[in-house]
Amino acid sequence: MPNAAKLLAALGLAALGWIISDMIRPLVPFSVDFGYFNYVNAGLGALVGWLFLGRRAGDGLTSAINNGITSAVAMVVLGVLVQGTNEMVRLSFARRYDTPLEAIAAIFEKSIDYAMILGDVQLILTLLGGAIAVALVVEMAGKRWR
């Protein structure tokens, strides 16, 4: 059921996904065509916000902080898996894999490579701080508009 908390969570985490995507671009050491990178990560943020963070609003301040951190981790895990899958599909069209199992294993290899880029302290602090801020706003909305 749609409500204000879910809407604010989706919009907040979508904006955070866009900001984090812009922060990742200079960290990539090789030339990459990013394409829809920001849009995909913003969409994943909206999805996590709507399905996870917005649904858990109204349980108190401590739960809001925990849900914000968990949402940030979920966004990162989904993001690296989606981007790894995208890279695997691109390489599979270039006939880089001999078997489907090799292609599936490449998803996790590429995802780990992308996750290593996310070790920047400023990026981590922005991600966690932004997710906690969004979670606190969602918590207030969840208590105000039930």
N, C-alpha and C. Protein backbone atom coordinates (compact mmCIF):
# COMPACT_ATOMS: atom_id res chain seq x y z
N MET A 1 0.83 -1.17 0.00
CA MET A 1 0.00 0.00 0.00
C MET A 1 0.88 1.25 0.00
N PRO A 2 0.71 2.14 -0.95
CA PRO A 2 1.52 3.35 -0.99
C PRO A 2 1.23 4.26 0.21
N ASN A 3 2.28 4.85 0.73
CA ASN A 3 2.12 5.84 1.79
C ASN A 3 3.27 6.84 1.69
N ALA A 4 3.23 7.86 2.53
CA ALA A 4 4.23 8.93 2.46
C ALA A 4 5.62 8.42 2.81
N ALA A 5 5.73 7.51 3.76
CA ALA A 5 7.03 7.00 4.15
C ALA A 5 7.70 6.26 2.99
N LYS A 6 6.95 5.44 2.28
CA LYS A 6 7.52 4.71 1.14
C LYS A 6 7.94 5.68 0.03
N LEU A 7 7.12 6.69 -0.22
CA LEU A 7 7.45 7.66 -1.25
C LEU A 7 8.70 8.43 -0.90
N LEU A 8 8.80 8.92 0.34
CA LEU A 8 9.99 9.66 0.76
C LEU A 8 11.23 8.77 0.76
N ALA A 9 11.07 7.51 1.15
CA ALA A 9 12.20 6.59 1.15
C ALA A 9 12.69 6.34 -0.27
N ALA A 10 11.75 6.14 -1.19
CA ALA A 10 12.13 5.90 -2.58
C ALA A 10 12.81 7.12 -3.18
N LEU A 11 12.26 8.30 -2.95
CA LEU A 11 12.86 9.52 -3.51
C LEU A 11 14.21 9.82 -2.87
N GLY A 12 14.30 9.64 -1.56
CA GLY A 12 15.55 9.92 -0.85
C GLY A 12 16.68 8.99 -1.26
N LEU A 13 16.40 7.69 -1.33
CA LEU A 13 17.45 6.75 -1.72
C LEU A 13 17.76 6.82 -3.20
N ALA A 14 16.80 7.23 -4.01
CA ALA A 14 17.09 7.45 -5.44
C ALA A 14 18.06 8.62 -5.59
N ALA A 15 17.82 9.69 -4.85
CA ALA A 15 18.74 10.83 -4.89
C ALA A 15 20.11 10.45 -4.36
N LEU A 16 20.14 9.65 -3.31
CA LEU A 16 21.42 9.19 -2.77
C LEU A 16 22.15 8.30 -3.76
N GLY A 17 21.42 7.44 -4.45
CA GLY A 17 22.03 6.60 -5.47
C GLY A 17 22.64 7.42 -6.59
N TRP A 18 21.97 8.50 -6.98
CA TRP A 18 22.49 9.38 -8.02
C TRP A 18 23.77 10.09 -7.54
N ILE A 19 23.75 10.59 -6.31
CA ILE A 19 24.92 11.30 -5.77
C ILE A 19 26.11 10.35 -5.65
N ILE A 20 25.88 9.17 -5.15
CA ILE A 20 26.95 8.19 -5.00
C ILE A 20 27.50 7.79 -6.37
N SER A 21 26.63 7.67 -7.35
CA SER A 21 27.09 7.34 -8.70
C SER A 21 28.01 8.42 -9.25
N ASP A 22 27.66 9.67 -9.01
CA ASP A 22 28.53 10.76 -9.44
C ASP A 22 29.87 10.75 -8.70
N MET A 23 29.86 10.31 -7.45
CA MET A 23 31.11 10.24 -6.69
C MET A 23 31.99 9.07 -7.14
N ILE A 24 31.38 8.03 -7.70
CA ILE A 24 32.14 6.85 -8.14
C ILE A 24 32.89 7.13 -9.44
N ARG A 25 32.33 7.93 -10.31
CA ARG A 25 32.92 8.17 -11.64
C ARG A 25 34.40 8.53 -11.60
N PRO A 26 34.85 9.48 -10.78
CA PRO A 26 36.29 9.79 -10.78
C PRO A 26 37.15 8.69 -10.15
N LEU A 27 36.56 7.77 -9.42
CA LEU A 27 37.33 6.71 -8.75
C LEU A 27 37.68 5.56 -9.68
N VAL A 28 36.99 5.46 -10.82
CA VAL A 28 37.23 4.36 -11.74
C VAL A 28 38.54 4.64 -12.48
N PRO A 29 39.53 3.76 -12.35
CA PRO A 29 40.85 4.04 -12.91
C PRO A 29 40.96 3.87 -14.42
N PHE A 30 39.99 3.28 -15.04
CA PHE A 30 40.07 3.03 -16.48
C PHE A 30 38.93 3.76 -17.18
N SER A 31 39.10 3.97 -18.47
CA SER A 31 38.06 4.69 -19.20
C SER A 31 36.87 3.77 -19.43
N VAL A 32 35.72 4.21 -18.99
CA VAL A 32 34.50 3.41 -19.05
C VAL A 32 33.40 4.28 -19.63
N ASP A 33 32.59 3.67 -20.47
CA ASP A 33 31.37 4.34 -20.93
C ASP A 33 30.29 4.03 -19.89
N PHE A 34 29.96 5.00 -19.08
CA PHE A 34 29.04 4.77 -17.97
C PHE A 34 27.60 4.59 -18.42
N GLY A 35 27.22 5.14 -19.53
CA GLY A 35 25.87 4.95 -20.05
C GLY A 35 24.80 5.35 -19.06
N TYR A 36 23.95 4.41 -18.69
CA TYR A 36 22.83 4.66 -17.77
C TYR A 36 23.19 4.38 -16.31
N PHE A 37 24.45 4.48 -15.97
CA PHE A 37 24.95 4.15 -14.64
C PHE A 37 24.18 4.88 -13.54
N ASN A 38 24.06 6.19 -13.66
CA ASN A 38 23.36 6.97 -12.63
C ASN A 38 21.88 6.59 -12.55
N TYR A 39 21.26 6.41 -13.70
CA TYR A 39 19.83 6.08 -13.72
C TYR A 39 19.56 4.71 -13.10
N VAL A 40 20.41 3.75 -13.40
CA VAL A 40 20.23 2.40 -12.85
C VAL A 40 20.40 2.44 -11.33
N ASN A 41 21.44 3.12 -10.86
CA ASN A 41 21.67 3.17 -9.41
C ASN A 41 20.59 3.98 -8.69
N ALA A 42 20.09 5.02 -9.32
CA ALA A 42 18.97 5.76 -8.73
C ALA A 42 17.72 4.88 -8.68
N GLY A 43 17.50 4.11 -9.72
CA GLY A 43 16.36 3.18 -9.73
C GLY A 43 16.48 2.11 -8.66
N LEU A 44 17.69 1.61 -8.47
CA LEU A 44 17.90 0.63 -7.40
C LEU A 44 17.67 1.25 -6.02
N GLY A 45 18.11 2.50 -5.86
CA GLY A 45 17.85 3.21 -4.61
C GLY A 45 16.37 3.38 -4.35
N ALA A 46 15.63 3.74 -5.41
CA ALA A 46 14.18 3.88 -5.27
C ALA A 46 13.53 2.55 -4.91
N LEU A 47 14.00 1.48 -5.52
CA LEU A 47 13.46 0.16 -5.24
C LEU A 47 13.72 -0.26 -3.79
N VAL A 48 14.95 -0.07 -3.33
CA VAL A 48 15.28 -0.41 -1.94
C VAL A 48 14.50 0.48 -0.98
N GLY A 49 14.38 1.75 -1.32
CA GLY A 49 13.64 2.66 -0.46
C GLY A 49 12.18 2.29 -0.34
N TRP A 50 11.55 1.97 -1.46
CA TRP A 50 10.12 1.63 -1.45
C TRP A 50 9.87 0.29 -0.77
N LEU A 51 10.65 -0.72 -1.14
CA LEU A 51 10.38 -2.07 -0.65
C LEU A 51 10.93 -2.35 0.75
N PHE A 52 12.01 -1.70 1.10
CA PHE A 52 12.64 -2.04 2.38
C PHE A 52 12.51 -0.92 3.41
N LEU A 53 13.07 0.24 3.11
CA LEU A 53 13.12 1.30 4.12
C LEU A 53 11.74 1.87 4.43
N GLY A 54 10.95 2.15 3.43
CA GLY A 54 9.62 2.73 3.66
C GLY A 54 8.68 1.80 4.40
N ARG A 55 8.84 0.51 4.19
CA ARG A 55 7.99 -0.47 4.84
C ARG A 55 8.26 -0.56 6.34
N ARG A 56 9.48 -0.22 6.76
CA ARG A 56 9.86 -0.38 8.15
C ARG A 56 9.80 0.92 8.94
N ALA A 57 9.15 1.93 8.42
CA ALA A 57 9.07 3.21 9.11
C ALA A 57 8.11 3.13 10.29
N GLY A 58 8.42 3.91 11.32
CA GLY A 58 7.52 4.00 12.47
C GLY A 58 7.91 3.14 13.65
N ASP A 59 9.09 2.52 13.63
CA ASP A 59 9.49 1.63 14.73
C ASP A 59 10.41 2.29 15.74
N GLY A 60 10.75 3.55 15.56
CA GLY A 60 11.60 4.23 16.52
C GLY A 60 12.92 4.67 15.92
N LEU A 61 13.64 5.50 16.67
CA LEU A 61 14.87 6.11 16.19
C LEU A 61 15.98 5.09 15.96
N THR A 62 16.16 4.18 16.88
CA THR A 62 17.21 3.18 16.73
C THR A 62 16.96 2.28 15.53
N SER A 63 15.73 1.88 15.35
CA SER A 63 15.38 1.06 14.20
C SER A 63 15.58 1.83 12.90
N ALA A 64 15.29 3.13 12.92
CA ALA A 64 15.47 3.94 11.72
C ALA A 64 16.94 4.00 11.32
N ILE A 65 17.81 4.20 12.29
CA ILE A 65 19.25 4.24 11.99
C ILE A 65 19.72 2.88 11.46
N ASN A 66 19.29 1.82 12.10
CA ASN A 66 19.66 0.47 11.64
C ASN A 66 19.11 0.19 10.25
N ASN A 67 17.89 0.60 9.99
CA ASN A 67 17.30 0.39 8.66
C ASN A 67 18.00 1.23 7.60
N GLY A 68 18.46 2.42 7.97
CA GLY A 68 19.21 3.24 7.04
C GLY A 68 20.53 2.59 6.65
N ILE A 69 21.24 2.06 7.62
CA ILE A 69 22.52 1.39 7.34
C ILE A 69 22.27 0.14 6.50
N THR A 70 21.26 -0.62 6.86
CA THR A 70 20.94 -1.83 6.10
C THR A 70 20.52 -1.50 4.68
N SER A 71 19.79 -0.41 4.51
CA SER A 71 19.40 0.01 3.16
C SER A 71 20.61 0.41 2.34
N ALA A 72 21.57 1.07 2.95
CA ALA A 72 22.79 1.44 2.24
C ALA A 72 23.54 0.20 1.78
N VAL A 73 23.65 -0.78 2.65
CA VAL A 73 24.33 -2.03 2.29
C VAL A 73 23.57 -2.75 1.18
N ALA A 74 22.25 -2.77 1.27
CA ALA A 74 21.44 -3.42 0.23
C ALA A 74 21.61 -2.71 -1.11
N MET A 75 21.67 -1.38 -1.09
CA MET A 75 21.88 -0.63 -2.32
C MET A 75 23.22 -0.97 -2.95
N VAL A 76 24.26 -1.07 -2.13
CA VAL A 76 25.60 -1.38 -2.65
C VAL A 76 25.64 -2.79 -3.22
N VAL A 77 25.09 -3.75 -2.50
CA VAL A 77 25.12 -5.13 -2.97
C VAL A 77 24.34 -5.27 -4.28
N LEU A 78 23.13 -4.70 -4.32
CA LEU A 78 22.35 -4.75 -5.55
C LEU A 78 23.06 -4.01 -6.68
N GLY A 79 23.64 -2.87 -6.37
CA GLY A 79 24.33 -2.09 -7.39
C GLY A 79 25.50 -2.81 -8.02
N VAL A 80 26.37 -3.41 -7.19
CA VAL A 80 27.52 -4.10 -7.77
C VAL A 80 27.10 -5.36 -8.52
N LEU A 81 26.05 -6.03 -8.05
CA LEU A 81 25.57 -7.21 -8.78
C LEU A 81 24.94 -6.83 -10.13
N VAL A 82 24.18 -5.76 -10.15
CA VAL A 82 23.56 -5.33 -11.41
C VAL A 82 24.64 -4.85 -12.38
N GLN A 83 25.59 -4.07 -11.89
CA GLN A 83 26.66 -3.58 -12.78
C GLN A 83 27.56 -4.74 -13.24
N GLY A 84 27.81 -5.71 -12.36
CA GLY A 84 28.57 -6.89 -12.76
C GLY A 84 27.85 -7.71 -13.81
N THR A 85 26.55 -7.84 -13.66
CA THR A 85 25.74 -8.55 -14.65
C THR A 85 25.75 -7.82 -15.98
N ASN A 86 25.65 -6.51 -15.93
CA ASN A 86 25.69 -5.71 -17.15
C ASN A 86 27.02 -5.89 -17.89
N GLU A 87 28.12 -5.89 -17.14
CA GLU A 87 29.43 -6.08 -17.76
C GLU A 87 29.58 -7.49 -18.32
N MET A 88 29.04 -8.49 -17.62
CA MET A 88 29.09 -9.86 -18.12
C MET A 88 28.31 -9.99 -19.42
N VAL A 89 27.14 -9.37 -19.50
CA VAL A 89 26.35 -9.43 -20.73
C VAL A 89 27.10 -8.76 -21.87
N ARG A 90 27.73 -7.63 -21.58
CA ARG A 90 28.50 -6.94 -22.61
C ARG A 90 29.65 -7.81 -23.12
N LEU A 91 30.35 -8.46 -22.20
CA LEU A 91 31.46 -9.32 -22.60
C LEU A 91 30.98 -10.61 -23.27
N SER A 92 29.80 -11.09 -22.87
CA SER A 92 29.31 -12.31 -23.51
C SER A 92 28.90 -12.06 -24.96
N PHE A 93 28.40 -10.86 -25.25
CA PHE A 93 28.12 -10.53 -26.64
C PHE A 93 29.39 -10.41 -27.47
N ALA A 94 30.51 -10.15 -26.79
CA ALA A 94 31.81 -10.12 -27.48
C ALA A 94 32.44 -11.52 -27.51
N ARG A 95 31.69 -12.53 -27.11
CA ARG A 95 32.12 -13.94 -27.12
C ARG A 95 33.38 -14.19 -26.28
N ARG A 96 33.38 -13.65 -25.05
CA ARG A 96 34.51 -13.85 -24.17
C ARG A 96 34.40 -15.10 -23.30
N TYR A 97 33.21 -15.69 -23.24
CA TYR A 97 32.99 -16.85 -22.38
C TYR A 97 32.67 -18.07 -23.23
N ASP A 98 33.19 -19.21 -22.81
CA ASP A 98 32.96 -20.46 -23.54
C ASP A 98 31.70 -21.18 -23.08
N THR A 99 31.39 -21.08 -21.79
CA THR A 99 30.23 -21.79 -21.25
C THR A 99 29.35 -20.83 -20.45
N PRO A 100 28.10 -21.18 -20.27
CA PRO A 100 27.23 -20.33 -19.44
C PRO A 100 27.69 -20.26 -17.98
N LEU A 101 28.26 -21.34 -17.48
CA LEU A 101 28.75 -21.33 -16.11
C LEU A 101 29.90 -20.34 -15.94
N GLU A 102 30.74 -20.26 -16.93
CA GLU A 102 31.84 -19.29 -16.90
C GLU A 102 31.30 -17.85 -16.89
N ALA A 103 30.24 -17.62 -17.64
CA ALA A 103 29.62 -16.29 -17.67
C ALA A 103 29.00 -15.95 -16.32
N ILE A 104 28.34 -16.91 -15.70
CA ILE A 104 27.73 -16.66 -14.39
C ILE A 104 28.80 -16.40 -13.34
N ALA A 105 29.90 -17.13 -13.39
CA ALA A 105 31.00 -16.89 -12.46
C ALA A 105 31.60 -15.50 -12.68
N ALA A 106 31.58 -15.03 -13.91
CA ALA A 106 32.13 -13.71 -14.22
C ALA A 106 31.31 -12.60 -13.57
N ILE A 107 30.02 -12.84 -13.35
CA ILE A 107 29.20 -11.82 -12.68
C ILE A 107 29.80 -11.51 -11.32
N PHE A 108 30.15 -12.54 -10.58
CA PHE A 108 30.68 -12.33 -9.23
C PHE A 108 32.10 -11.78 -9.27
N GLU A 109 32.89 -12.18 -10.26
CA GLU A 109 34.24 -11.62 -10.40
C GLU A 109 34.17 -10.13 -10.69
N LYS A 110 33.32 -9.74 -11.63
CA LYS A 110 33.17 -8.32 -11.96
C LYS A 110 32.58 -7.55 -10.79
N SER A 111 31.63 -8.16 -10.08
CA SER A 111 31.03 -7.49 -8.93
C SER A 111 32.06 -7.22 -7.84
N ILE A 112 32.95 -8.17 -7.61
CA ILE A 112 34.01 -7.98 -6.62
C ILE A 112 34.96 -6.88 -7.08
N ASP A 113 35.28 -6.85 -8.37
CA ASP A 113 36.13 -5.78 -8.89
C ASP A 113 35.49 -4.41 -8.66
N TYR A 114 34.19 -4.31 -8.91
CA TYR A 114 33.50 -3.05 -8.71
C TYR A 114 33.40 -2.69 -7.23
N ALA A 115 33.23 -3.69 -6.38
CA ALA A 115 33.14 -3.43 -4.94
C ALA A 115 34.46 -2.91 -4.38
N MET A 116 35.57 -3.30 -4.97
CA MET A 116 36.87 -2.82 -4.52
C MET A 116 37.02 -1.31 -4.75
N ILE A 117 36.36 -0.80 -5.75
CA ILE A 117 36.42 0.63 -6.04
C ILE A 117 35.70 1.43 -4.95
N LEU A 118 34.74 0.81 -4.29
CA LEU A 118 33.91 1.50 -3.31
C LEU A 118 34.59 1.65 -1.95
N GLY A 119 35.87 1.40 -1.84
CA GLY A 119 36.58 1.48 -0.57
C GLY A 119 36.97 2.90 -0.18
N ASP A 120 36.58 3.90 -0.93
CA ASP A 120 36.92 5.29 -0.63
C ASP A 120 36.18 5.74 0.62
N VAL A 121 36.89 6.36 1.55
CA VAL A 121 36.30 6.74 2.84
C VAL A 121 35.22 7.80 2.66
N GLN A 122 35.47 8.78 1.82
CA GLN A 122 34.47 9.82 1.60
C GLN A 122 33.18 9.24 1.01
N LEU A 123 33.33 8.28 0.12
CA LEU A 123 32.18 7.63 -0.48
C LEU A 123 31.39 6.84 0.56
N ILE A 124 32.08 6.11 1.40
CA ILE A 124 31.42 5.31 2.44
C ILE A 124 30.69 6.22 3.44
N LEU A 125 31.35 7.30 3.86
CA LEU A 125 30.72 8.21 4.82
C LEU A 125 29.50 8.90 4.22
N THR A 126 29.60 9.28 2.94
CA THR A 126 28.45 9.90 2.28
C THR A 126 27.30 8.92 2.16
N LEU A 127 27.61 7.70 1.80
CA LEU A 127 26.58 6.67 1.66
C LEU A 127 25.89 6.39 2.98
N LEU A 128 26.65 6.16 4.03
CA LEU A 128 26.05 5.85 5.32
C LEU A 128 25.34 7.06 5.91
N GLY A 129 25.96 8.23 5.85
CA GLY A 129 25.33 9.43 6.38
C GLY A 129 24.05 9.79 5.64
N GLY A 130 24.08 9.67 4.32
CA GLY A 130 22.90 9.96 3.53
C GLY A 130 21.78 8.97 3.80
N ALA A 131 22.12 7.70 3.92
CA ALA A 131 21.10 6.68 4.18
C ALA A 131 20.48 6.86 5.56
N ILE A 132 21.30 7.23 6.55
CA ILE A 132 20.77 7.46 7.89
C ILE A 132 19.88 8.70 7.90
N ALA A 133 20.30 9.76 7.18
CA ALA A 133 19.47 10.97 7.11
C ALA A 133 18.13 10.68 6.44
N VAL A 134 18.16 9.93 5.35
CA VAL A 134 16.91 9.56 4.68
C VAL A 134 16.05 8.71 5.61
N ALA A 135 16.65 7.80 6.33
CA ALA A 135 15.89 6.94 7.24
C ALA A 135 15.25 7.74 8.36
N LEU A 136 15.93 8.76 8.86
CA LEU A 136 15.34 9.59 9.91
C LEU A 136 14.15 10.40 9.38
N VAL A 137 14.28 10.92 8.16
CA VAL A 137 13.16 11.65 7.56
C VAL A 137 11.98 10.69 7.33
N VAL A 138 12.28 9.51 6.86
CA VAL A 138 11.23 8.51 6.62
C VAL A 138 10.57 8.12 7.95
N GLU A 139 11.34 8.02 9.00
CA GLU A 139 10.80 7.69 10.31
C GLU A 139 9.82 8.78 10.79
N MET A 140 10.22 10.04 10.61
CA MET A 140 9.33 11.13 10.99
C MET A 140 8.04 11.12 10.14
N ALA A 141 8.19 10.84 8.86
CA ALA A 141 7.01 10.78 7.99
C ALA A 141 6.13 9.60 8.37
N GLY A 142 6.75 8.49 8.74
CA GLY A 142 5.98 7.31 9.12
C GLY A 142 5.16 7.53 10.37
N LYS A 143 5.70 8.32 11.30
CA LYS A 143 4.96 8.60 12.54
C LYS A 143 3.92 9.68 12.32
N ARG A 144 4.20 10.62 11.44
CA ARG A 144 3.27 11.74 11.24
C ARG A 144 2.08 11.34 10.37
N TRP A 145 2.33 10.61 9.28
CA TRP A 145 1.27 10.26 8.33
C TRP A 145 1.02 8.76 8.34
N ARG A 146 0.32 8.29 9.31
CA ARG A 146 -0.01 6.85 9.38
C ARG A 146 -1.29 6.58 8.70
